[in-house]
Amino acid sequence: MPPSVSNTEKLVSSLHRGILGLLLGMFGLLGVGLAKKLLMGDYLLGTVGVVLALGAGYWILSLFQEGLRER
Protein backbone atom coordinates (compact mmCIF):
# COMPACT_ATOMS: atom_id res chain seq x y z
CA MET A 1 0.00 0.00 0.00
CA PRO A 2 1.54 3.37 -1.01
CA PRO A 3 2.09 5.92 1.72
CA SER A 4 -0.44 8.74 1.78
CA VAL A 5 0.70 12.21 0.78
CA SER A 6 0.29 14.83 3.48
CA ASN A 7 -1.45 18.15 2.94
CA THR A 8 1.86 19.97 3.42
CA GLU A 9 3.45 18.03 0.56
CA LYS A 10 0.46 18.80 -1.65
CA LEU A 11 0.74 22.49 -0.77
CA VAL A 12 4.47 22.57 -1.54
CA SER A 13 3.89 20.77 -4.83
CA SER A 14 1.11 23.19 -5.75
CA LEU A 15 3.25 26.23 -4.92
CA HIS A 16 6.12 24.77 -6.95
CA ARG A 17 3.85 24.33 -9.97
CA GLY A 18 2.43 27.83 -9.50
CA ILE A 19 5.83 29.51 -9.38
CA LEU A 20 7.11 27.48 -12.32
CA GLY A 21 3.94 28.31 -14.28
CA LEU A 22 4.40 32.02 -13.58
CA LEU A 23 8.00 31.95 -14.81
CA LEU A 24 7.01 29.94 -17.86
CA GLY A 25 4.26 32.45 -18.58
CA MET A 26 6.81 35.26 -18.55
CA PHE A 27 9.05 33.29 -20.92
CA GLY A 28 6.03 32.68 -23.14
CA LEU A 29 5.29 36.41 -23.29
CA LEU A 30 8.93 37.05 -24.13
CA GLY A 31 8.63 34.45 -26.88
CA VAL A 32 5.54 36.14 -28.31
CA GLY A 33 7.39 39.46 -28.30
CA LEU A 34 10.32 37.90 -30.11
CA ALA A 35 7.98 36.16 -32.56
CA LYS A 36 6.82 39.60 -33.71
CA LYS A 37 10.31 40.04 -35.16
CA LEU A 38 9.26 37.63 -37.93
CA LEU A 39 7.06 40.38 -39.37
CA MET A 40 10.05 42.74 -39.48
CA GLY A 41 12.22 40.25 -41.34
CA ASP A 42 14.41 39.12 -38.46
CA TYR A 43 13.89 35.41 -38.98
CA LEU A 44 16.42 34.11 -36.45
CA LEU A 45 14.97 35.95 -33.44
CA GLY A 46 11.44 35.35 -34.67
CA THR A 47 11.98 31.62 -34.93
CA VAL A 48 13.54 31.53 -31.47
CA GLY A 49 10.51 33.42 -30.17
CA VAL A 50 8.05 30.99 -31.74
CA VAL A 51 9.90 27.99 -30.30
CA LEU A 52 10.10 29.67 -26.89
CA ALA A 53 6.39 30.54 -26.85
CA LEU A 54 5.28 27.09 -27.99
CA GLY A 55 7.62 25.34 -25.56
CA ALA A 56 6.42 27.43 -22.62
CA GLY A 57 2.79 26.82 -23.57
CA TYR A 58 3.32 23.07 -23.79
CA TRP A 59 5.10 22.99 -20.45
CA ILE A 60 2.32 25.02 -18.77
CA LEU A 61 -0.25 22.57 -20.10
CA SER A 62 1.76 19.68 -18.71
CA LEU A 63 1.82 21.43 -15.32
CA PHE A 64 -1.99 21.63 -15.42
CA GLN A 65 -2.22 17.94 -16.23
CA GLU A 66 0.17 17.08 -13.40
CA GLY A 67 -1.95 19.09 -10.99
CA LEU A 68 -5.13 17.36 -12.09
CA ARG A 69 -3.49 13.94 -11.73
CA GLU A 70 -2.30 14.81 -8.21
CA ARG A 71 -5.80 15.80 -7.14
C-alpha atoms as a PDB file:
ATOM      1  CA  MET A   1       0.000   0.000   0.000  1.00  0.00           C
ATOM      2  CA  PRO A   2       1.540   3.371  -1.013  1.00  0.00           C
ATOM      3  CA  PRO A   3       2.093   5.920   1.722  1.00  0.00           C
ATOM      4  CA  SER A   4      -0.441   8.744   1.778  1.00  0.00           C
ATOM      5  CA  VAL A   5       0.702  12.210   0.777  1.00  0.00           C
ATOM      6  CA  SER A   6       0.286  14.825   3.482  1.00  0.00           C
ATOM      7  CA  ASN A   7      -1.454  18.146   2.942  1.00  0.00           C
ATOM      8  CA  THR A   8       1.860  19.966   3.417  1.00  0.00           C
ATOM      9  CA  GLU A   9       3.447  18.027   0.563  1.00  0.00           C
ATOM     10  CA  LYS A  10       0.456  18.804  -1.649  1.00  0.00           C
ATOM     11  CA  LEU A  11       0.742  22.495  -0.770  1.00  0.00           C
ATOM     12  CA  VAL A  12       4.468  22.568  -1.538  1.00  0.00           C
ATOM     13  CA  SER A  13       3.892  20.770  -4.827  1.00  0.00           C
ATOM     14  CA  SER A  14       1.113  23.194  -5.751  1.00  0.00           C
ATOM     15  CA  LEU A  15       3.254  26.227  -4.921  1.00  0.00           C
ATOM     16  CA  HIS A  16       6.124  24.766  -6.949  1.00  0.00           C
ATOM     17  CA  ARG A  17       3.852  24.326  -9.970  1.00  0.00           C
ATOM     18  CA  GLY A  18       2.435  27.830  -9.504  1.00  0.00           C
ATOM     19  CA  ILE A  19       5.830  29.515  -9.381  1.00  0.00           C
ATOM     20  CA  LEU A  20       7.110  27.478 -12.324  1.00  0.00           C
ATOM     21  CA  GLY A  21       3.944  28.311 -14.276  1.00  0.00           C
ATOM     22  CA  LEU A  22       4.402  32.017 -13.584  1.00  0.00           C
ATOM     23  CA  LEU A  23       8.001  31.950 -14.805  1.00  0.00           C
ATOM     24  CA  LEU A  24       7.013  29.939 -17.864  1.00  0.00           C
ATOM     25  CA  GLY A  25       4.256  32.453 -18.584  1.00  0.00           C
ATOM     26  CA  MET A  26       6.809  35.256 -18.552  1.00  0.00           C
ATOM     27  CA  PHE A  27       9.052  33.291 -20.923  1.00  0.00           C
ATOM     28  CA  GLY A  28       6.025  32.679 -23.138  1.00  0.00           C
ATOM     29  CA  LEU A  29       5.292  36.410 -23.290  1.00  0.00           C
ATOM     30  CA  LEU A  30       8.929  37.055 -24.128  1.00  0.00           C
ATOM     31  CA  GLY A  31       8.631  34.454 -26.880  1.00  0.00           C
ATOM     32  CA  VAL A  32       5.544  36.136 -28.310  1.00  0.00           C
ATOM     33  CA  GLY A  33       7.392  39.458 -28.296  1.00  0.00           C
ATOM     34  CA  LEU A  34      10.325  37.897 -30.113  1.00  0.00           C
ATOM     35  CA  ALA A  35       7.980  36.160 -32.561  1.00  0.00           C
ATOM     36  CA  LYS A  36       6.818  39.601 -33.713  1.00  0.00           C
ATOM     37  CA  LYS A  37      10.308  40.038 -35.157  1.00  0.00           C
ATOM     38  CA  LEU A  38       9.255  37.631 -37.928  1.00  0.00           C
ATOM     39  CA  LEU A  39       7.060  40.381 -39.366  1.00  0.00           C
ATOM     40  CA  MET A  40      10.048  42.738 -39.475  1.00  0.00           C
ATOM     41  CA  GLY A  41      12.221  40.253 -41.342  1.00  0.00           C
ATOM     42  CA  ASP A  42      14.411  39.119 -38.459  1.00  0.00           C
ATOM     43  CA  TYR A  43      13.887  35.407 -38.982  1.00  0.00           C
ATOM     44  CA  LEU A  44      16.416  34.108 -36.447  1.00  0.00           C
ATOM     45  CA  LEU A  45      14.973  35.947 -33.440  1.00  0.00           C
ATOM     46  CA  GLY A  46      11.440  35.354 -34.674  1.00  0.00           C
ATOM     47  CA  THR A  47      11.982  31.616 -34.928  1.00  0.00           C
ATOM     48  CA  VAL A  48      13.540  31.525 -31.468  1.00  0.00           C
ATOM     49  CA  GLY A  49      10.513  33.418 -30.168  1.00  0.00           C
ATOM     50  CA  VAL A  50       8.046  30.990 -31.740  1.00  0.00           C
ATOM     51  CA  VAL A  51       9.899  27.994 -30.296  1.00  0.00           C
ATOM     52  CA  LEU A  52      10.096  29.668 -26.886  1.00  0.00           C
ATOM     53  CA  ALA A  53       6.391  30.544 -26.848  1.00  0.00           C
ATOM     54  CA  LEU A  54       5.283  27.087 -27.989  1.00  0.00           C
ATOM     55  CA  GLY A  55       7.620  25.336 -25.559  1.00  0.00           C
ATOM     56  CA  ALA A  56       6.418  27.430 -22.624  1.00  0.00           C
ATOM     57  CA  GLY A  57       2.792  26.820 -23.573  1.00  0.00           C
ATOM     58  CA  TYR A  58       3.320  23.072 -23.793  1.00  0.00           C
ATOM     59  CA  TRP A  59       5.099  22.993 -20.445  1.00  0.00           C
ATOM     60  CA  ILE A  60       2.322  25.019 -18.773  1.00  0.00           C
ATOM     61  CA  LEU A  61      -0.254  22.568 -20.103  1.00  0.00           C
ATOM     62  CA  SER A  62       1.765  19.677 -18.714  1.00  0.00           C
ATOM     63  CA  LEU A  63       1.817  21.427 -15.317  1.00  0.00           C
ATOM     64  CA  PHE A  64      -1.988  21.634 -15.419  1.00  0.00           C
ATOM     65  CA  GLN A  65      -2.219  17.938 -16.235  1.00  0.00           C
ATOM     66  CA  GLU A  66       0.169  17.085 -13.399  1.00  0.00           C
ATOM     67  CA  GLY A  67      -1.946  19.095 -10.985  1.00  0.00           C
ATOM     68  CA  LEU A  68      -5.126  17.364 -12.086  1.00  0.00           C
ATOM     69  CA  ARG A  69      -3.495  13.938 -11.729  1.00  0.00           C
ATOM     70  CA  GLU A  70      -2.300  14.814  -8.213  1.00  0.00           C
ATOM     71  CA  ARG A  71      -5.797  15.805  -7.136  1.00  0.00           C
END
